[in-house]
Amino acid sequence: MKKYTLSAICILFLIIAGCKDMEDRNDYLVGVNGELTEADLAAVELDQSDIKHRYKMMKVYVITMTEKEAMEVETLDKVSYVELDQAVRVPDQPEGK
């Protein structure tokens, strides 16, 4: 019995320790002045694989990251805004227009 209890406690500890820094990763829109370089991304512990898309005409990146990382990205000099990417709903146009 003691052997199973000790095993269960060890497994529980490993699960809790492994999940400590796990946060939900979401897509964020990041508006920039210029280009984000690898050095910019490295400064906030992100890399090129976190960039999902770049809209060149609007100078906006779609980056998958945690809320904490999004707050860090917002502190970069090149970044003008960071917002959670969400579905946009456009109201129906009134008939006759």
N, C-alpha and C. Protein backbone atom coordinates (compact mmCIF):
# COMPACT_ATOMS: atom_id res chain seq x y z
N MET A 1 0.82 -1.20 0.00
CA MET A 1 0.00 0.00 0.00
C MET A 1 0.86 1.26 0.00
N LYS A 2 1.92 1.27 0.83
CA LYS A 2 2.80 2.42 0.89
C LYS A 2 3.46 2.68 -0.47
N LYS A 3 3.80 1.59 -1.15
CA LYS A 3 4.45 1.70 -2.45
C LYS A 3 3.53 2.41 -3.44
N TYR A 4 2.25 2.07 -3.46
CA TYR A 4 1.29 2.70 -4.38
C TYR A 4 1.03 4.16 -4.01
N THR A 5 0.96 4.44 -2.73
CA THR A 5 0.74 5.81 -2.27
C THR A 5 1.91 6.69 -2.66
N LEU A 6 3.12 6.21 -2.46
CA LEU A 6 4.31 6.96 -2.82
C LEU A 6 4.37 7.18 -4.34
N SER A 7 4.02 6.14 -5.09
CA SER A 7 3.99 6.27 -6.56
C SER A 7 2.97 7.30 -7.00
N ALA A 8 1.80 7.27 -6.39
CA ALA A 8 0.74 8.22 -6.74
C ALA A 8 1.17 9.66 -6.41
N ILE A 9 1.82 9.86 -5.28
CA ILE A 9 2.29 11.19 -4.90
C ILE A 9 3.36 11.67 -5.88
N CYS A 10 4.27 10.79 -6.28
CA CYS A 10 5.32 11.17 -7.24
C CYS A 10 4.71 11.55 -8.58
N ILE A 11 3.74 10.78 -9.05
CA ILE A 11 3.08 11.08 -10.33
C ILE A 11 2.34 12.41 -10.24
N LEU A 12 1.63 12.64 -9.15
CA LEU A 12 0.91 13.89 -8.95
C LEU A 12 1.87 15.07 -8.95
N PHE A 13 2.99 14.93 -8.28
CA PHE A 13 4.00 15.99 -8.25
C PHE A 13 4.51 16.29 -9.66
N LEU A 14 4.80 15.26 -10.44
CA LEU A 14 5.29 15.45 -11.80
C LEU A 14 4.26 16.14 -12.68
N ILE A 15 3.00 15.80 -12.50
CA ILE A 15 1.93 16.44 -13.28
C ILE A 15 1.83 17.91 -12.92
N ILE A 16 1.83 18.22 -11.64
CA ILE A 16 1.72 19.61 -11.19
C ILE A 16 2.94 20.41 -11.63
N ALA A 17 4.13 19.86 -11.49
CA ALA A 17 5.35 20.56 -11.88
C ALA A 17 5.39 20.78 -13.38
N GLY A 18 4.93 19.80 -14.15
CA GLY A 18 4.94 19.92 -15.60
C GLY A 18 3.92 20.91 -16.13
N CYS A 19 2.85 21.14 -15.42
CA CYS A 19 1.78 22.04 -15.86
C CYS A 19 1.94 23.46 -15.32
N LYS A 20 2.96 23.69 -14.54
CA LYS A 20 3.13 24.99 -13.88
C LYS A 20 3.09 26.15 -14.85
N ASP A 21 3.88 26.09 -15.93
CA ASP A 21 3.97 27.21 -16.86
C ASP A 21 3.10 27.03 -18.10
N MET A 22 2.23 26.05 -18.09
CA MET A 22 1.37 25.85 -19.25
C MET A 22 0.20 26.81 -19.21
N GLU A 23 0.09 27.61 -20.23
CA GLU A 23 -1.02 28.54 -20.36
C GLU A 23 -1.63 28.33 -21.73
N ASP A 24 -2.86 28.76 -21.88
CA ASP A 24 -3.50 28.68 -23.18
C ASP A 24 -2.77 29.59 -24.15
N ARG A 25 -2.51 29.06 -25.32
CA ARG A 25 -1.90 29.86 -26.38
C ARG A 25 -2.99 30.23 -27.36
N ASN A 26 -3.09 31.51 -27.65
CA ASN A 26 -4.10 32.03 -28.57
C ASN A 26 -3.42 32.84 -29.66
N ASP A 27 -4.19 33.13 -30.71
CA ASP A 27 -3.68 33.99 -31.77
C ASP A 27 -3.93 35.45 -31.39
N TYR A 28 -2.90 36.27 -31.56
CA TYR A 28 -2.99 37.70 -31.29
C TYR A 28 -2.60 38.47 -32.54
N LEU A 29 -3.29 39.58 -32.77
CA LEU A 29 -2.91 40.50 -33.83
C LEU A 29 -1.91 41.48 -33.24
N VAL A 30 -0.78 41.63 -33.92
CA VAL A 30 0.29 42.51 -33.43
C VAL A 30 0.58 43.54 -34.52
N GLY A 31 0.18 44.79 -34.28
CA GLY A 31 0.45 45.88 -35.20
C GLY A 31 1.84 46.42 -34.94
N VAL A 32 2.60 46.64 -36.03
CA VAL A 32 3.99 47.06 -35.88
C VAL A 32 4.33 48.27 -36.75
N ASN A 33 5.37 48.96 -36.37
CA ASN A 33 6.00 50.00 -37.19
C ASN A 33 7.32 49.40 -37.65
N GLY A 34 7.38 48.92 -38.88
CA GLY A 34 8.58 48.26 -39.38
C GLY A 34 8.38 46.76 -39.41
N GLU A 35 9.46 46.04 -39.18
CA GLU A 35 9.46 44.58 -39.21
C GLU A 35 9.89 44.02 -37.86
N LEU A 36 9.30 42.91 -37.48
CA LEU A 36 9.79 42.20 -36.29
C LEU A 36 10.95 41.31 -36.73
N THR A 37 12.08 41.46 -36.09
CA THR A 37 13.26 40.65 -36.41
C THR A 37 13.33 39.45 -35.47
N GLU A 38 14.24 38.54 -35.80
CA GLU A 38 14.45 37.40 -34.91
C GLU A 38 14.93 37.87 -33.54
N ALA A 39 15.69 38.94 -33.50
CA ALA A 39 16.16 39.48 -32.22
C ALA A 39 14.99 40.02 -31.39
N ASP A 40 14.02 40.66 -32.07
CA ASP A 40 12.83 41.15 -31.36
C ASP A 40 12.06 39.99 -30.76
N LEU A 41 11.88 38.95 -31.55
CA LEU A 41 11.14 37.77 -31.08
C LEU A 41 11.89 37.09 -29.94
N ALA A 42 13.21 36.96 -30.09
CA ALA A 42 14.01 36.32 -29.05
C ALA A 42 13.96 37.10 -27.74
N ALA A 43 13.84 38.41 -27.82
CA ALA A 43 13.78 39.25 -26.62
C ALA A 43 12.55 38.94 -25.77
N VAL A 44 11.49 38.43 -26.41
CA VAL A 44 10.27 38.08 -25.67
C VAL A 44 10.03 36.56 -25.69
N GLU A 45 11.12 35.82 -25.96
CA GLU A 45 11.12 34.36 -25.93
C GLU A 45 10.13 33.73 -26.91
N LEU A 46 10.05 34.30 -28.11
CA LEU A 46 9.26 33.73 -29.20
C LEU A 46 10.21 33.45 -30.36
N ASP A 47 9.74 32.71 -31.37
CA ASP A 47 10.54 32.52 -32.56
C ASP A 47 9.66 32.55 -33.80
N GLN A 48 10.27 32.41 -34.96
CA GLN A 48 9.56 32.52 -36.23
C GLN A 48 8.39 31.53 -36.34
N SER A 49 8.51 30.37 -35.72
CA SER A 49 7.44 29.36 -35.81
C SER A 49 6.15 29.81 -35.09
N ASP A 50 6.26 30.81 -34.22
CA ASP A 50 5.08 31.33 -33.53
C ASP A 50 4.28 32.30 -34.40
N ILE A 51 4.91 32.81 -35.47
CA ILE A 51 4.21 33.71 -36.39
C ILE A 51 3.36 32.87 -37.32
N LYS A 52 2.07 33.11 -37.26
CA LYS A 52 1.13 32.34 -38.07
C LYS A 52 0.92 32.99 -39.44
N HIS A 53 0.92 34.32 -39.48
CA HIS A 53 0.70 35.04 -40.73
C HIS A 53 1.18 36.47 -40.59
N ARG A 54 1.52 37.07 -41.72
CA ARG A 54 1.90 38.48 -41.73
C ARG A 54 1.11 39.18 -42.83
N TYR A 55 0.37 40.20 -42.45
CA TYR A 55 -0.37 41.02 -43.41
C TYR A 55 0.52 42.21 -43.76
N LYS A 56 1.12 42.18 -44.94
CA LYS A 56 2.09 43.22 -45.33
C LYS A 56 1.45 44.59 -45.51
N MET A 57 0.28 44.64 -46.11
CA MET A 57 -0.36 45.94 -46.37
C MET A 57 -0.73 46.66 -45.08
N MET A 58 -1.10 45.91 -44.05
CA MET A 58 -1.53 46.52 -42.80
C MET A 58 -0.43 46.55 -41.74
N LYS A 59 0.71 45.93 -42.02
CA LYS A 59 1.81 45.82 -41.05
C LYS A 59 1.32 45.18 -39.75
N VAL A 60 0.69 44.01 -39.93
CA VAL A 60 0.14 43.27 -38.79
C VAL A 60 0.61 41.82 -38.87
N TYR A 61 1.00 41.29 -37.74
CA TYR A 61 1.35 39.88 -37.62
C TYR A 61 0.25 39.17 -36.85
N VAL A 62 0.04 37.89 -37.15
CA VAL A 62 -0.78 37.02 -36.32
C VAL A 62 0.20 36.08 -35.65
N ILE A 63 0.29 36.19 -34.32
CA ILE A 63 1.27 35.42 -33.57
C ILE A 63 0.55 34.59 -32.51
N THR A 64 0.90 33.31 -32.44
CA THR A 64 0.34 32.42 -31.43
C THR A 64 1.21 32.52 -30.18
N MET A 65 0.57 32.92 -29.07
CA MET A 65 1.33 33.11 -27.83
C MET A 65 0.39 33.12 -26.63
N THR A 66 0.98 33.12 -25.45
CA THR A 66 0.20 33.20 -24.22
C THR A 66 -0.12 34.66 -23.92
N GLU A 67 -1.00 34.88 -22.97
CA GLU A 67 -1.34 36.25 -22.56
C GLU A 67 -0.11 36.96 -21.99
N LYS A 68 0.69 36.23 -21.23
CA LYS A 68 1.91 36.81 -20.64
C LYS A 68 2.87 37.24 -21.75
N GLU A 69 3.05 36.38 -22.76
CA GLU A 69 3.93 36.72 -23.87
C GLU A 69 3.39 37.93 -24.64
N ALA A 70 2.06 38.01 -24.77
CA ALA A 70 1.44 39.14 -25.47
C ALA A 70 1.75 40.45 -24.74
N MET A 71 1.71 40.43 -23.42
CA MET A 71 2.03 41.63 -22.65
C MET A 71 3.50 42.02 -22.84
N GLU A 72 4.38 41.03 -22.97
CA GLU A 72 5.80 41.31 -23.19
C GLU A 72 6.02 41.87 -24.59
N VAL A 73 5.33 41.33 -25.58
CA VAL A 73 5.46 41.81 -26.96
C VAL A 73 5.03 43.27 -27.04
N GLU A 74 4.00 43.63 -26.30
CA GLU A 74 3.48 44.99 -26.30
C GLU A 74 4.52 46.02 -25.85
N THR A 75 5.53 45.58 -25.11
CA THR A 75 6.56 46.49 -24.62
C THR A 75 7.64 46.79 -25.66
N LEU A 76 7.67 46.05 -26.77
CA LEU A 76 8.67 46.30 -27.81
C LEU A 76 8.42 47.65 -28.47
N ASP A 77 9.49 48.36 -28.79
CA ASP A 77 9.38 49.69 -29.40
C ASP A 77 8.64 49.67 -30.74
N LYS A 78 8.82 48.63 -31.52
CA LYS A 78 8.21 48.54 -32.85
C LYS A 78 6.72 48.23 -32.81
N VAL A 79 6.22 47.79 -31.69
CA VAL A 79 4.83 47.33 -31.59
C VAL A 79 3.91 48.48 -31.21
N SER A 80 2.86 48.68 -32.03
CA SER A 80 1.91 49.75 -31.74
C SER A 80 0.68 49.23 -30.99
N TYR A 81 0.31 47.97 -31.20
CA TYR A 81 -0.80 47.38 -30.45
C TYR A 81 -0.75 45.86 -30.51
N VAL A 82 -1.38 45.23 -29.51
CA VAL A 82 -1.55 43.78 -29.45
C VAL A 82 -2.98 43.54 -29.02
N GLU A 83 -3.70 42.72 -29.79
CA GLU A 83 -5.07 42.38 -29.40
C GLU A 83 -5.38 40.94 -29.77
N LEU A 84 -6.23 40.33 -28.99
CA LEU A 84 -6.64 38.96 -29.23
C LEU A 84 -7.37 38.86 -30.56
N ASP A 85 -6.99 37.91 -31.39
CA ASP A 85 -7.64 37.71 -32.68
C ASP A 85 -9.01 37.08 -32.42
N GLN A 86 -10.06 37.72 -32.93
CA GLN A 86 -11.42 37.25 -32.70
C GLN A 86 -12.22 37.30 -33.99
N ALA A 87 -13.28 36.54 -34.02
CA ALA A 87 -14.18 36.60 -35.17
C ALA A 87 -14.90 37.95 -35.17
N VAL A 88 -15.03 38.52 -36.35
CA VAL A 88 -15.70 39.81 -36.48
C VAL A 88 -17.08 39.58 -37.08
N ARG A 89 -18.08 40.18 -36.46
CA ARG A 89 -19.45 40.06 -36.97
C ARG A 89 -19.86 41.40 -37.56
N VAL A 90 -20.37 41.34 -38.77
CA VAL A 90 -20.86 42.53 -39.44
C VAL A 90 -22.37 42.46 -39.44
N PRO A 91 -23.04 43.50 -38.93
CA PRO A 91 -24.51 43.44 -38.90
C PRO A 91 -25.08 43.41 -40.33
N ASP A 92 -26.23 42.78 -40.45
CA ASP A 92 -26.91 42.73 -41.74
C ASP A 92 -27.30 44.14 -42.16
N GLN A 93 -27.19 44.40 -43.45
CA GLN A 93 -27.59 45.70 -43.99
C GLN A 93 -29.10 45.76 -44.08
N PRO A 94 -29.68 46.90 -43.76
CA PRO A 94 -31.13 47.04 -43.90
C PRO A 94 -31.54 46.87 -45.36
N GLU A 95 -32.68 46.29 -45.58
CA GLU A 95 -33.16 46.08 -46.96
C GLU A 95 -33.42 47.42 -47.63
N GLY A 96 -33.19 47.46 -48.92
CA GLY A 96 -33.43 48.67 -49.68
C GLY A 96 -32.21 49.54 -49.84
N LYS A 97 -31.09 49.14 -49.31
CA LYS A 97 -29.87 49.94 -49.46
C LYS A 97 -28.89 49.23 -50.32
